[in-house]
Amino acid sequence: MKALIDTNFMLIPGQTKTDIFTVLREYELVTLDLCIRELEKLAENKGKKGEYARVGIQLINKNKVKIIKSGKKTTDKAILEYAQKNNCAVATNDRKLIAGLKKNGVKVIRLRQKKLILVE
């Protein structure tokens, strides 16, 4: 099964030292070009969030996550459409996105208690 990684999920390794790629090893990992652009924009910042984004970018490249061209303007809409069309789970901690995904029957992978990753 595929798992689409959202921008905020890519920040987790920098924030918590959780190896999301080991935990998600049974999935074929993909992300959208929009998520990568968001991550690159965050990486330009100096503070903690910029540092987390830079770690996320390095790990995306290291783990050879497939980047899908979306052609959409809003990331959340593109994620939902891709997940529905390709029957894949979405790895995210974005509450608003999670609500929309669940409402549309898309499986969600998320971090809880800074360690445990759940599939809902």
PDB file of N, CA and C in Angstrom:
ATOM      1  N   MET A   1       0.840  -1.189   0.000  1.00  0.00           N
ATOM      2  CA  MET A   1       0.000   0.000   0.000  1.00  0.00           C
ATOM      3  C   MET A   1       0.878   1.244   0.000  1.00  0.00           C
ATOM      4  N   LYS A   2       0.391   2.275  -0.657  1.00  0.00           N
ATOM      5  CA  LYS A   2       1.089   3.562  -0.682  1.00  0.00           C
ATOM      6  C   LYS A   2       0.719   4.389   0.533  1.00  0.00           C
ATOM      7  N   ALA A   3       1.667   5.225   0.943  1.00  0.00           N
ATOM      8  CA  ALA A   3       1.393   6.219   1.982  1.00  0.00           C
ATOM      9  C   ALA A   3       1.930   7.555   1.474  1.00  0.00           C
ATOM     10  N   LEU A   4       1.054   8.536   1.408  1.00  0.00           N
ATOM     11  CA  LEU A   4       1.435   9.879   0.993  1.00  0.00           C
ATOM     12  C   LEU A   4       1.837  10.663   2.242  1.00  0.00           C
ATOM     13  N   ILE A   5       3.037  11.229   2.227  1.00  0.00           N
ATOM     14  CA  ILE A   5       3.537  11.963   3.394  1.00  0.00           C
ATOM     15  C   ILE A   5       3.253  13.450   3.215  1.00  0.00           C
ATOM     16  N   ASP A   6       2.535  14.035   4.180  1.00  0.00           N
ATOM     17  CA  ASP A   6       2.219  15.453   4.190  1.00  0.00           C
ATOM     18  C   ASP A   6       3.409  16.242   4.746  1.00  0.00           C
ATOM     19  N   THR A   7       3.421  17.523   4.488  1.00  0.00           N
ATOM     20  CA  THR A   7       4.507  18.403   4.919  1.00  0.00           C
ATOM     21  C   THR A   7       4.777  18.298   6.416  1.00  0.00           C
ATOM     22  N   ASN A   8       3.747  18.417   7.233  1.00  0.00           N
ATOM     23  CA  ASN A   8       4.002  18.438   8.675  1.00  0.00           C
ATOM     24  C   ASN A   8       4.524  17.108   9.196  1.00  0.00           C
ATOM     25  N   PHE A   9       4.236  16.012   8.500  1.00  0.00           N
ATOM     26  CA  PHE A   9       4.755  14.708   8.912  1.00  0.00           C
ATOM     27  C   PHE A   9       6.257  14.623   8.644  1.00  0.00           C
ATOM     28  N   MET A  10       6.703  15.354   7.630  1.00  0.00           N
ATOM     29  CA  MET A  10       8.138  15.375   7.304  1.00  0.00           C
ATOM     30  C   MET A  10       8.947  16.171   8.326  1.00  0.00           C
ATOM     31  N   LEU A  11       8.267  16.957   9.147  1.00  0.00           N
ATOM     32  CA  LEU A  11       8.948  17.722  10.200  1.00  0.00           C
ATOM     33  C   LEU A  11       9.211  16.867  11.447  1.00  0.00           C
ATOM     34  N   ILE A  12       8.515  15.753  11.573  1.00  0.00           N
ATOM     35  CA  ILE A  12       8.596  14.913  12.770  1.00  0.00           C
ATOM     36  C   ILE A  12      10.017  14.444  13.098  1.00  0.00           C
ATOM     37  N   PRO A  13      10.796  13.949  12.125  1.00  0.00           N
ATOM     38  CA  PRO A  13      12.130  13.477  12.496  1.00  0.00           C
ATOM     39  C   PRO A  13      12.986  14.555  13.179  1.00  0.00           C
ATOM     40  N   GLY A  14      12.876  15.785  12.736  1.00  0.00           N
ATOM     41  CA  GLY A  14      13.622  16.873  13.360  1.00  0.00           C
ATOM     42  C   GLY A  14      13.080  17.247  14.729  1.00  0.00           C
ATOM     43  N   GLN A  15      11.770  17.164  14.901  1.00  0.00           N
ATOM     44  CA  GLN A  15      11.125  17.552  16.155  1.00  0.00           C
ATOM     45  C   GLN A  15      11.289  16.508  17.248  1.00  0.00           C
ATOM     46  N   THR A  16      11.128  15.243  16.902  1.00  0.00           N
ATOM     47  CA  THR A  16      11.038  14.196  17.926  1.00  0.00           C
ATOM     48  C   THR A  16      12.097  13.111  17.818  1.00  0.00           C
ATOM     49  N   LYS A  17      12.898  13.161  16.775  1.00  0.00           N
ATOM     50  CA  LYS A  17      13.906  12.120  16.512  1.00  0.00           C
ATOM     51  C   LYS A  17      13.264  10.766  16.192  1.00  0.00           C
ATOM     52  N   THR A  18      11.976  10.764  15.846  1.00  0.00           N
ATOM     53  CA  THR A  18      11.283   9.546  15.444  1.00  0.00           C
ATOM     54  C   THR A  18      11.627   9.253  13.992  1.00  0.00           C
ATOM     55  N   ASP A  19      12.050   8.028  13.722  1.00  0.00           N
ATOM     56  CA  ASP A  19      12.400   7.635  12.361  1.00  0.00           C
ATOM     57  C   ASP A  19      11.136   7.177  11.633  1.00  0.00           C
ATOM     58  N   ILE A  20      10.477   8.119  10.995  1.00  0.00           N
ATOM     59  CA  ILE A  20       9.216   7.811  10.313  1.00  0.00           C
ATOM     60  C   ILE A  20       9.416   6.824   9.161  1.00  0.00           C
ATOM     61  N   PHE A  21      10.610   6.807   8.588  1.00  0.00           N
ATOM     62  CA  PHE A  21      10.858   5.934   7.438  1.00  0.00           C
ATOM     63  C   PHE A  21      10.980   4.476   7.859  1.00  0.00           C
ATOM     64  N   THR A  22      11.495   4.225   9.036  1.00  0.00           N
ATOM     65  CA  THR A  22      11.556   2.854   9.548  1.00  0.00           C
ATOM     66  C   THR A  22      10.158   2.387   9.926  1.00  0.00           C
ATOM     67  N   VAL A  23       9.406   3.252  10.585  1.00  0.00           N
ATOM     68  CA  VAL A  23       8.053   2.898  11.012  1.00  0.00           C
ATOM     69  C   VAL A  23       7.155   2.641   9.798  1.00  0.00           C
ATOM     70  N   LEU A  24       7.391   3.375   8.721  1.00  0.00           N
ATOM     71  CA  LEU A  24       6.550   3.250   7.519  1.00  0.00           C
ATOM     72  C   LEU A  24       7.191   2.365   6.443  1.00  0.00           C
ATOM     73  N   ARG A  25       8.140   1.536   6.824  1.00  0.00           N
ATOM     74  CA  ARG A  25       8.893   0.745   5.844  1.00  0.00           C
ATOM     75  C   ARG A  25       8.029  -0.183   4.998  1.00  0.00           C
ATOM     76  N   GLU A  26       6.859  -0.597   5.500  1.00  0.00           N
ATOM     77  CA  GLU A  26       6.012  -1.510   4.736  1.00  0.00           C
ATOM     78  C   GLU A  26       5.210  -0.789   3.645  1.00  0.00           C
ATOM     79  N   TYR A  27       5.259   0.530   3.631  1.00  0.00           N
ATOM     80  CA  TYR A  27       4.529   1.327   2.649  1.00  0.00           C
ATOM     81  C   TYR A  27       5.445   1.803   1.528  1.00  0.00           C
ATOM     82  N   GLU A  28       4.852   1.984   0.354  1.00  0.00           N
ATOM     83  CA  GLU A  28       5.535   2.671  -0.736  1.00  0.00           C
ATOM     84  C   GLU A  28       5.288   4.162  -0.470  1.00  0.00           C
ATOM     85  N   LEU A  29       6.354   4.901  -0.169  1.00  0.00           N
ATOM     86  CA  LEU A  29       6.197   6.294   0.249  1.00  0.00           C
ATOM     87  C   LEU A  29       6.231   7.257  -0.931  1.00  0.00           C
ATOM     88  N   VAL A  30       5.251   8.157  -0.939  1.00  0.00           N
ATOM     89  CA  VAL A  30       5.169   9.200  -1.953  1.00  0.00           C
ATOM     90  C   VAL A  30       4.837  10.517  -1.261  1.00  0.00           C
ATOM     91  N   THR A  31       5.086  11.593  -1.952  1.00  0.00           N
ATOM     92  CA  THR A  31       4.656  12.911  -1.496  1.00  0.00           C
ATOM     93  C   THR A  31       4.335  13.746  -2.726  1.00  0.00           C
ATOM     94  N   LEU A  32       3.720  14.881  -2.516  1.00  0.00           N
ATOM     95  CA  LEU A  32       3.365  15.760  -3.631  1.00  0.00           C
ATOM     96  C   LEU A  32       4.399  16.859  -3.785  1.00  0.00           C
ATOM     97  N   ASP A  33       4.533  17.356  -5.000  1.00  0.00           N
ATOM     98  CA  ASP A  33       5.433  18.476  -5.251  1.00  0.00           C
ATOM     99  C   ASP A  33       5.043  19.683  -4.392  1.00  0.00           C
ATOM    100  N   LEU A  34       3.751  19.836  -4.129  1.00  0.00           N
ATOM    101  CA  LEU A  34       3.286  20.951  -3.283  1.00  0.00           C
ATOM    102  C   LEU A  34       3.832  20.827  -1.854  1.00  0.00           C
ATOM    103  N   CYS A  35       3.891  19.606  -1.340  1.00  0.00           N
ATOM    104  CA  CYS A  35       4.428  19.381   0.006  1.00  0.00           C
ATOM    105  C   CYS A  35       5.920  19.706   0.044  1.00  0.00           C
ATOM    106  N   ILE A  36       6.629  19.320  -1.003  1.00  0.00           N
ATOM    107  CA  ILE A  36       8.063  19.615  -1.074  1.00  0.00           C
ATOM    108  C   ILE A  36       8.279  21.124  -1.135  1.00  0.00           C
ATOM    109  N   ARG A  37       7.462  21.822  -1.922  1.00  0.00           N
ATOM    110  CA  ARG A  37       7.581  23.289  -1.985  1.00  0.00           C
ATOM    111  C   ARG A  37       7.328  23.926  -0.627  1.00  0.00           C
ATOM    112  N   GLU A  38       6.318  23.444   0.086  1.00  0.00           N
ATOM    113  CA  GLU A  38       6.044  23.962   1.436  1.00  0.00           C
ATOM    114  C   GLU A  38       7.244  23.714   2.356  1.00  0.00           C
ATOM    115  N   LEU A  39       7.818  22.535   2.259  1.00  0.00           N
ATOM    116  CA  LEU A  39       8.963  22.176   3.090  1.00  0.00           C
ATOM    117  C   LEU A  39      10.166  23.056   2.758  1.00  0.00           C
ATOM    118  N   GLU A  40      10.396  23.293   1.473  1.00  0.00           N
ATOM    119  CA  GLU A  40      11.514  24.151   1.058  1.00  0.00           C
ATOM    120  C   GLU A  40      11.326  25.584   1.547  1.00  0.00           C
ATOM    121  N   LYS A  41      10.093  26.062   1.507  1.00  0.00           N
ATOM    122  CA  LYS A  41       9.808  27.410   1.998  1.00  0.00           C
ATOM    123  C   LYS A  41      10.077  27.488   3.506  1.00  0.00           C
ATOM    124  N   LEU A  42       9.646  26.486   4.260  1.00  0.00           N
ATOM    125  CA  LEU A  42       9.918  26.439   5.699  1.00  0.00           C
ATOM    126  C   LEU A  42      11.419  26.366   5.987  1.00  0.00           C
ATOM    127  N   ALA A  43      12.150  25.635   5.134  1.00  0.00           N
ATOM    128  CA  ALA A  43      13.594  25.447   5.326  1.00  0.00           C
ATOM    129  C   ALA A  43      14.368  26.755   5.207  1.00  0.00           C
ATOM    130  N   GLU A  44      13.774  27.747   4.557  1.00  0.00           N
ATOM    131  CA  GLU A  44      14.432  29.055   4.416  1.00  0.00           C
ATOM    132  C   GLU A  44      14.462  29.818   5.746  1.00  0.00           C
ATOM    133  N   ASN A  45      13.571  29.465   6.658  1.00  0.00           N
ATOM    134  CA  ASN A  45      13.515  30.141   7.960  1.00  0.00           C
ATOM    135  C   ASN A  45      14.691  29.745   8.831  1.00  0.00           C
ATOM    136  N   LYS A  46      15.052  30.640   9.729  1.00  0.00           N
ATOM    137  CA  LYS A  46      16.149  30.328  10.631  1.00  0.00           C
ATOM    138  C   LYS A  46      15.676  29.535  11.822  1.00  0.00           C
ATOM    139  N   GLY A  47      14.874  29.640  12.574  1.00  0.00           N
ATOM    140  CA  GLY A  47      14.486  28.960  13.807  1.00  0.00           C
ATOM    141  C   GLY A  47      14.350  27.453  13.717  1.00  0.00           C
ATOM    142  N   LYS A  48      13.677  26.916  14.714  1.00  0.00           N
ATOM    143  CA  LYS A  48      13.497  25.463  14.842  1.00  0.00           C
ATOM    144  C   LYS A  48      12.739  24.855  13.661  1.00  0.00           C
ATOM    145  N   LYS A  49      11.674  25.520  13.230  1.00  0.00           N
ATOM    146  CA  LYS A  49      10.877  24.968  12.133  1.00  0.00           C
ATOM    147  C   LYS A  49      11.703  24.849  10.853  1.00  0.00           C
ATOM    148  N   GLY A  50      12.557  25.824  10.599  1.00  0.00           N
ATOM    149  CA  GLY A  50      13.450  25.766   9.440  1.00  0.00           C
ATOM    150  C   GLY A  50      14.413  24.598   9.546  1.00  0.00           C
ATOM    151  N   GLU A  51      14.927  24.383  10.740  1.00  0.00           N
ATOM    152  CA  GLU A  51      15.838  23.262  10.992  1.00  0.00           C
ATOM    153  C   GLU A  51      15.116  21.928  10.765  1.00  0.00           C
ATOM    154  N   TYR A  52      13.895  21.818  11.283  1.00  0.00           N
ATOM    155  CA  TYR A  52      13.114  20.590  11.104  1.00  0.00           C
ATOM    156  C   TYR A  52      12.838  20.333   9.626  1.00  0.00           C
ATOM    157  N   ALA A  53      12.542  21.397   8.890  1.00  0.00           N
ATOM    158  CA  ALA A  53      12.259  21.267   7.454  1.00  0.00           C
ATOM    159  C   ALA A  53      13.505  20.807   6.697  1.00  0.00           C
ATOM    160  N   ARG A  54      14.659  21.332   7.051  1.00  0.00           N
ATOM    161  CA  ARG A  54      15.901  20.916   6.389  1.00  0.00           C
ATOM    162  C   ARG A  54      16.192  19.432   6.645  1.00  0.00           C
ATOM    163  N   VAL A  55      15.942  18.976   7.858  1.00  0.00           N
ATOM    164  CA  VAL A  55      16.100  17.547   8.177  1.00  0.00           C
ATOM    165  C   VAL A  55      15.119  16.734   7.325  1.00  0.00           C
ATOM    166  N   GLY A  56      13.881  17.190   7.225  1.00  0.00           N
ATOM    167  CA  GLY A  56      12.872  16.500   6.423  1.00  0.00           C
ATOM    168  C   GLY A  56      13.279  16.375   4.964  1.00  0.00           C
ATOM    169  N   ILE A  57      13.805  17.448   4.397  1.00  0.00           N
ATOM    170  CA  ILE A  57      14.254  17.436   2.994  1.00  0.00           C
ATOM    171  C   ILE A  57      15.381  16.427   2.806  1.00  0.00           C
ATOM    172  N   GLN A  58      16.342  16.431   3.725  1.00  0.00           N
ATOM    173  CA  GLN A  58      17.457  15.482   3.637  1.00  0.00           C
ATOM    174  C   GLN A  58      16.946  14.036   3.664  1.00  0.00           C
ATOM    175  N   LEU A  59      16.009  13.760   4.560  1.00  0.00           N
ATOM    176  CA  LEU A  59      15.497  12.401   4.686  1.00  0.00           C
ATOM    177  C   LEU A  59      14.640  11.981   3.490  1.00  0.00           C
ATOM    178  N   ILE A  60      13.900  12.918   2.926  1.00  0.00           N
ATOM    179  CA  ILE A  60      13.116  12.623   1.720  1.00  0.00           C
ATOM    180  C   ILE A  60      14.060  12.206   0.596  1.00  0.00           C
ATOM    181  N   ASN A  61      15.150  12.955   0.436  1.00  0.00           N
ATOM    182  CA  ASN A  61      16.129  12.632  -0.600  1.00  0.00           C
ATOM    183  C   ASN A  61      16.845  11.318  -0.308  1.00  0.00           C
ATOM    184  N   LYS A  62      17.259  11.132   0.935  1.00  0.00           N
ATOM    185  CA  LYS A  62      17.988   9.923   1.332  1.00  0.00           C
ATOM    186  C   LYS A  62      17.145   8.669   1.135  1.00  0.00           C
ATOM    187  N   ASN A  63      15.869   8.758   1.448  1.00  0.00           N
ATOM    188  CA  ASN A  63      14.978   7.603   1.369  1.00  0.00           C
ATOM    189  C   ASN A  63      14.281   7.464   0.021  1.00  0.00           C
ATOM    190  N   LYS A  64      14.659   8.321  -0.915  1.00  0.00           N
ATOM    191  CA  LYS A  64      14.154   8.250  -2.286  1.00  0.00           C
ATOM    192  C   LYS A  64      12.623   8.168  -2.356  1.00  0.00           C
ATOM    193  N   VAL A  65      11.985   9.082  -1.649  1.00  0.00           N
ATOM    194  CA  VAL A  65      10.528   9.157  -1.671  1.00  0.00           C
ATOM    195  C   VAL A  65      10.110   9.704  -3.030  1.00  0.00           C
ATOM    196  N   LYS A  66       9.170   9.047  -3.674  1.00  0.00           N
ATOM    197  CA  LYS A  66       8.708   9.462  -4.999  1.00  0.00           C
ATOM    198  C   LYS A  66       7.891  10.748  -4.863  1.00  0.00           C
ATOM    199  N   ILE A  67       8.226  11.741  -5.683  1.00  0.00           N
ATOM    200  CA  ILE A  67       7.518  13.023  -5.661  1.00  0.00           C
ATOM    201  C   ILE A  67       6.547  13.060  -6.842  1.00  0.00           C
ATOM    202  N   ILE A  68       5.273  13.248  -6.523  1.00  0.00           N
ATOM    203  CA  ILE A  68       4.201  13.255  -7.519  1.00  0.00           C
ATOM    204  C   ILE A  68       3.854  14.691  -7.887  1.00  0.00           C
ATOM    205  N   LYS A  69       3.774  14.951  -9.175  1.00  0.00           N
ATOM    206  CA  LYS A  69       3.353  16.270  -9.646  1.00  0.00           C
ATOM    207  C   LYS A  69       1.838  16.347  -9.521  1.00  0.00           C
ATOM    208  N   SER A  70       1.358  17.386  -8.835  1.00  0.00           N
ATOM    209  CA  SER A  70      -0.074  17.444  -8.563  1.00  0.00           C
ATOM    210  C   SER A  70      -0.832  18.377  -9.494  1.00  0.00           C
ATOM    211  N   GLY A  71      -0.252  19.498  -9.850  1.00  0.00           N
ATOM    212  CA  GLY A  71      -0.941  20.447 -10.706  1.00  0.00           C
ATOM    213  C   GLY A  71      -2.069  21.197 -10.017  1.00  0.00           C
ATOM    214  N   LYS A  72      -2.202  21.025  -8.727  1.00  0.00           N
ATOM    215  CA  LYS A  72      -3.257  21.701  -7.965  1.00  0.00           C
ATOM    216  C   LYS A  72      -2.683  22.907  -7.237  1.00  0.00           C
ATOM    217  N   LYS A  73      -3.581  23.784  -6.807  1.00  0.00           N
ATOM    218  CA  LYS A  73      -3.139  24.984  -6.096  1.00  0.00           C
ATOM    219  C   LYS A  73      -3.162  24.798  -4.585  1.00  0.00           C
ATOM    220  N   THR A  74      -4.106  24.045  -4.063  1.00  0.00           N
ATOM    221  CA  THR A  74      -4.155  23.862  -2.619  1.00  0.00           C
ATOM    222  C   THR A  74      -3.672  22.461  -2.261  1.00  0.00           C
ATOM    223  N   THR A  75      -2.769  22.403  -1.320  1.00  0.00           N
ATOM    224  CA  THR A  75      -2.131  21.144  -0.940  1.00  0.00           C
ATOM    225  C   THR A  75      -3.134  20.147  -0.371  1.00  0.00           C
ATOM    226  N   ASP A  76      -3.982  20.583   0.564  1.00  0.00           N
ATOM    227  CA  ASP A  76      -4.928  19.657   1.194  1.00  0.00           C
ATOM    228  C   ASP A  76      -5.877  19.021   0.184  1.00  0.00           C
ATOM    229  N   LYS A  77      -6.353  19.814  -0.749  1.00  0.00           N
ATOM    230  CA  LYS A  77      -7.258  19.300  -1.786  1.00  0.00           C
ATOM    231  C   LYS A  77      -6.521  18.282  -2.673  1.00  0.00           C
ATOM    232  N   ALA A  78      -5.280  18.605  -3.021  1.00  0.00           N
ATOM    233  CA  ALA A  78      -4.480  17.708  -3.861  1.00  0.00           C
ATOM    234  C   ALA A  78      -4.195  16.391  -3.137  1.00  0.00           C
ATOM    235  N   ILE A  79      -3.919  16.472  -1.833  1.00  0.00           N
ATOM    236  CA  ILE A  79      -3.664  15.270  -1.037  1.00  0.00           C
ATOM    237  C   ILE A  79      -4.905  14.382  -1.019  1.00  0.00           C
ATOM    238  N   LEU A  80      -6.051  14.979  -0.727  1.00  0.00           N
ATOM    239  CA  LEU A  80      -7.307  14.220  -0.678  1.00  0.00           C
ATOM    240  C   LEU A  80      -7.598  13.557  -2.021  1.00  0.00           C
ATOM    241  N   GLU A  81      -7.484  14.311  -3.102  1.00  0.00           N
ATOM    242  CA  GLU A  81      -7.756  13.761  -4.435  1.00  0.00           C
ATOM    243  C   GLU A  81      -6.808  12.617  -4.779  1.00  0.00           C
ATOM    244  N   TYR A  82      -5.518  12.810  -4.511  1.00  0.00           N
ATOM    245  CA  TYR A  82      -4.535  11.764  -4.824  1.00  0.00           C
ATOM    246  C   TYR A  82      -4.819  10.504  -4.001  1.00  0.00           C
ATOM    247  N   ALA A  83      -5.077  10.687  -2.704  1.00  0.00           N
ATOM    248  CA  ALA A  83      -5.316   9.545  -1.812  1.00  0.00           C
ATOM    249  C   ALA A  83      -6.552   8.755  -2.253  1.00  0.00           C
ATOM    250  N   GLN A  84      -7.604   9.461  -2.617  1.00  0.00           N
ATOM    251  CA  GLN A  84      -8.831   8.786  -3.055  1.00  0.00           C
ATOM    252  C   GLN A  84      -8.622   8.054  -4.378  1.00  0.00           C
ATOM    253  N   LYS A  85      -7.974   8.721  -5.302  1.00  0.00           N
ATOM    254  CA  LYS A  85      -7.759   8.154  -6.635  1.00  0.00           C
ATOM    255  C   LYS A  85      -6.842   6.933  -6.600  1.00  0.00           C
ATOM    256  N   ASN A  86      -5.849   6.956  -5.695  1.00  0.00           N
ATOM    257  CA  ASN A  86      -4.837   5.902  -5.658  1.00  0.00           C
ATOM    258  C   ASN A  86      -4.983   4.959  -4.461  1.00  0.00           C
ATOM    259  N   ASN A  87      -6.087   5.070  -3.735  1.00  0.00           N
ATOM    260  CA  ASN A  87      -6.359   4.222  -2.576  1.00  0.00           C
ATOM    261  C   ASN A  87      -5.142   4.122  -1.649  1.00  0.00           C
ATOM    262  N   CYS A  88      -4.644   5.267  -1.231  1.00  0.00           N
ATOM    263  CA  CYS A  88      -3.468   5.252  -0.353  1.00  0.00           C
ATOM    264  C   CYS A  88      -3.765   5.969   0.956  1.00  0.00           C
ATOM    265  N   ALA A  89      -3.002   5.605   1.979  1.00  0.00           N
ATOM    266  CA  ALA A  89      -3.111   6.256   3.288  1.00  0.00           C
ATOM    267  C   ALA A  89      -2.365   7.586   3.234  1.00  0.00           C
ATOM    268  N   VAL A  90      -2.682   8.469   4.158  1.00  0.00           N
ATOM    269  CA  VAL A  90      -1.989   9.762   4.234  1.00  0.00           C
ATOM    270  C   VAL A  90      -1.361   9.894   5.614  1.00  0.00           C
ATOM    271  N   ALA A  91      -0.060  10.174   5.638  1.00  0.00           N
ATOM    272  CA  ALA A  91       0.673  10.383   6.882  1.00  0.00           C
ATOM    273  C   ALA A  91       0.667  11.881   7.182  1.00  0.00           C
ATOM    274  N   THR A  92      -0.068  12.278   8.225  1.00  0.00           N
ATOM    275  CA  THR A  92      -0.190  13.690   8.579  1.00  0.00           C
ATOM    276  C   THR A  92      -0.593  13.840  10.034  1.00  0.00           C
ATOM    277  N   ASN A  93      -0.263  14.980  10.611  1.00  0.00           N
ATOM    278  CA  ASN A  93      -0.749  15.340  11.941  1.00  0.00           C
ATOM    279  C   ASN A  93      -1.630  16.579  11.875  1.00  0.00           C
ATOM    280  N   ASP A  94      -1.939  17.043  10.675  1.00  0.00           N
ATOM    281  CA  ASP A  94      -2.769  18.223  10.466  1.00  0.00           C
ATOM    282  C   ASP A  94      -4.229  17.874  10.784  1.00  0.00           C
ATOM    283  N   ARG A  95      -4.751  18.425  11.873  1.00  0.00           N
ATOM    284  CA  ARG A  95      -6.098  18.073  12.346  1.00  0.00           C
ATOM    285  C   ARG A  95      -7.187  18.339  11.322  1.00  0.00           C
ATOM    286  N   LYS A  96      -7.099  19.479  10.653  1.00  0.00           N
ATOM    287  CA  LYS A  96      -8.117  19.834   9.655  1.00  0.00           C
ATOM    288  C   LYS A  96      -8.076  18.835   8.493  1.00  0.00           C
ATOM    289  N   LEU A  97      -6.866  18.515   8.045  1.00  0.00           N
ATOM    290  CA  LEU A  97      -6.710  17.557   6.950  1.00  0.00           C
ATOM    291  C   LEU A  97      -7.193  16.168   7.377  1.00  0.00           C
ATOM    292  N   ILE A  98      -6.849  15.766   8.591  1.00  0.00           N
ATOM    293  CA  ILE A  98      -7.280  14.459   9.100  1.00  0.00           C
ATOM    294  C   ILE A  98      -8.798  14.349   9.084  1.00  0.00           C
ATOM    295  N   ALA A  99      -9.479  15.398   9.532  1.00  0.00           N
ATOM    296  CA  ALA A  99     -10.944  15.399   9.543  1.00  0.00           C
ATOM    297  C   ALA A  99     -11.499  15.209   8.129  1.00  0.00           C
ATOM    298  N   GLY A 100     -10.933  15.928   7.168  1.00  0.00           N
ATOM    299  CA  GLY A 100     -11.387  15.806   5.781  1.00  0.00           C
ATOM    300  C   GLY A 100     -11.105  14.437   5.190  1.00  0.00           C
ATOM    301  N   LEU A 101      -9.950  13.875   5.531  1.00  0.00           N
ATOM    302  CA  LEU A 101      -9.590  12.551   5.023  1.00  0.00           C
ATOM    303  C   LEU A 101     -10.523  11.482   5.588  1.00  0.00           C
ATOM    304  N   LYS A 102     -10.736  11.532   6.904  1.00  0.00           N
ATOM    305  CA  LYS A 102     -11.615  10.537   7.550  1.00  0.00           C
ATOM    306  C   LYS A 102     -13.037  10.624   7.003  1.00  0.00           C
ATOM    307  N   LYS A 103     -13.507  11.854   6.803  1.00  0.00           N
ATOM    308  CA  LYS A 103     -14.852  12.083   6.273  1.00  0.00           C
ATOM    309  C   LYS A 103     -15.015  11.421   4.901  1.00  0.00           C
ATOM    310  N   ASN A 104     -13.888  11.350   4.158  1.00  0.00           N
ATOM    311  CA  ASN A 104     -13.921  10.775   2.811  1.00  0.00           C
ATOM    312  C   ASN A 104     -13.397   9.339   2.773  1.00  0.00           C
ATOM    313  N   GLY A 105     -13.241   8.720   3.946  1.00  0.00           N
ATOM    314  CA  GLY A 105     -12.861   7.309   4.003  1.00  0.00           C
ATOM    315  C   GLY A 105     -11.407   7.001   3.698  1.00  0.00           C
ATOM    316  N   VAL A 106     -10.521   7.976   3.847  1.00  0.00           N
ATOM    317  CA  VAL A 106      -9.095   7.773   3.588  1.00  0.00           C
ATOM    318  C   VAL A 106      -8.398   7.400   4.899  1.00  0.00           C
ATOM    319  N   LYS A 107      -7.552   6.363   4.863  1.00  0.00           N
ATOM    320  CA  LYS A 107      -6.796   5.963   6.051  1.00  0.00           C
ATOM    321  C   LYS A 107      -5.786   7.037   6.411  1.00  0.00           C
ATOM    322  N   VAL A 108      -5.595   7.251   7.716  1.00  0.00           N
ATOM    323  CA  VAL A 108      -4.680   8.282   8.202  1.00  0.00           C
ATOM    324  C   VAL A 108      -3.619   7.646   9.092  1.00  0.00           C
ATOM    325  N   ILE A 109      -2.371   8.024   8.864  1.00  0.00           N
ATOM    326  CA  ILE A 109      -1.254   7.605   9.706  1.00  0.00           C
ATOM    327  C   ILE A 109      -0.805   8.858  10.432  1.00  0.00           C
ATOM    328  N   ARG A 110      -0.730   8.801  11.782  1.00  0.00           N
ATOM    329  CA  ARG A 110      -0.348   9.996  12.516  1.00  0.00           C
ATOM    330  C   ARG A 110       0.481   9.668  13.745  1.00  0.00           C
ATOM    331  N   LEU A 111       1.140  10.682  14.243  1.00  0.00           N
ATOM    332  CA  LEU A 111       1.987  10.534  15.418  1.00  0.00           C
ATOM    333  C   LEU A 111       1.190  10.931  16.648  1.00  0.00           C
ATOM    334  N   ARG A 112       1.328  10.134  17.698  1.00  0.00           N
ATOM    335  CA  ARG A 112       0.699  10.452  18.982  1.00  0.00           C
ATOM    336  C   ARG A 112       1.733  10.252  20.072  1.00  0.00           C
ATOM    337  N   GLN A 113       1.679  11.082  21.067  1.00  0.00           N
ATOM    338  CA  GLN A 113       2.559  11.005  22.224  1.00  0.00           C
ATOM    339  C   GLN A 113       4.036  11.020  21.826  1.00  0.00           C
ATOM    340  N   LYS A 114       4.325  11.711  20.744  1.00  0.00           N
ATOM    341  CA  LYS A 114       5.678  11.910  20.217  1.00  0.00           C
ATOM    342  C   LYS A 114       6.411  10.619  19.868  1.00  0.00           C
ATOM    343  N   LYS A 115       5.726   9.491  19.851  1.00  0.00           N
ATOM    344  CA  LYS A 115       6.398   8.253  19.491  1.00  0.00           C
ATOM    345  C   LYS A 115       5.539   7.334  18.648  1.00  0.00           C
ATOM    346  N   LEU A 116       4.358   7.059  19.097  1.00  0.00           N
ATOM    347  CA  LEU A 116       3.528   6.045  18.487  1.00  0.00           C
ATOM    348  C   LEU A 116       2.896   6.555  17.198  1.00  0.00           C
ATOM    349  N   ILE A 117       3.023   5.776  16.149  1.00  0.00           N
ATOM    350  CA  ILE A 117       2.385   6.133  14.892  1.00  0.00           C
ATOM    351  C   ILE A 117       1.199   5.202  14.679  1.00  0.00           C
ATOM    352  N   LEU A 118       0.014   5.778  14.515  1.00  0.00           N
ATOM    353  CA  LEU A 118      -1.217   5.006  14.395  1.00  0.00           C
ATOM    354  C   LEU A 118      -1.773   5.059  12.989  1.00  0.00           C
ATOM    355  N   VAL A 119      -2.396   3.989  12.573  1.00  0.00           N
ATOM    356  CA  VAL A 119      -3.159   3.979  11.329  1.00  0.00           C
ATOM    357  C   VAL A 119      -4.614   3.942  11.736  1.00  0.00           C
ATOM    358  N   GLU A 120      -5.380   4.905  11.276  1.00  0.00           N
ATOM    359  CA  GLU A 120      -6.798   4.984  11.640  1.00  0.00           C
ATOM    360  C   GLU A 120      -7.662   4.755  10.426  1.00  0.00           C
TER     361      GLU A 120
END
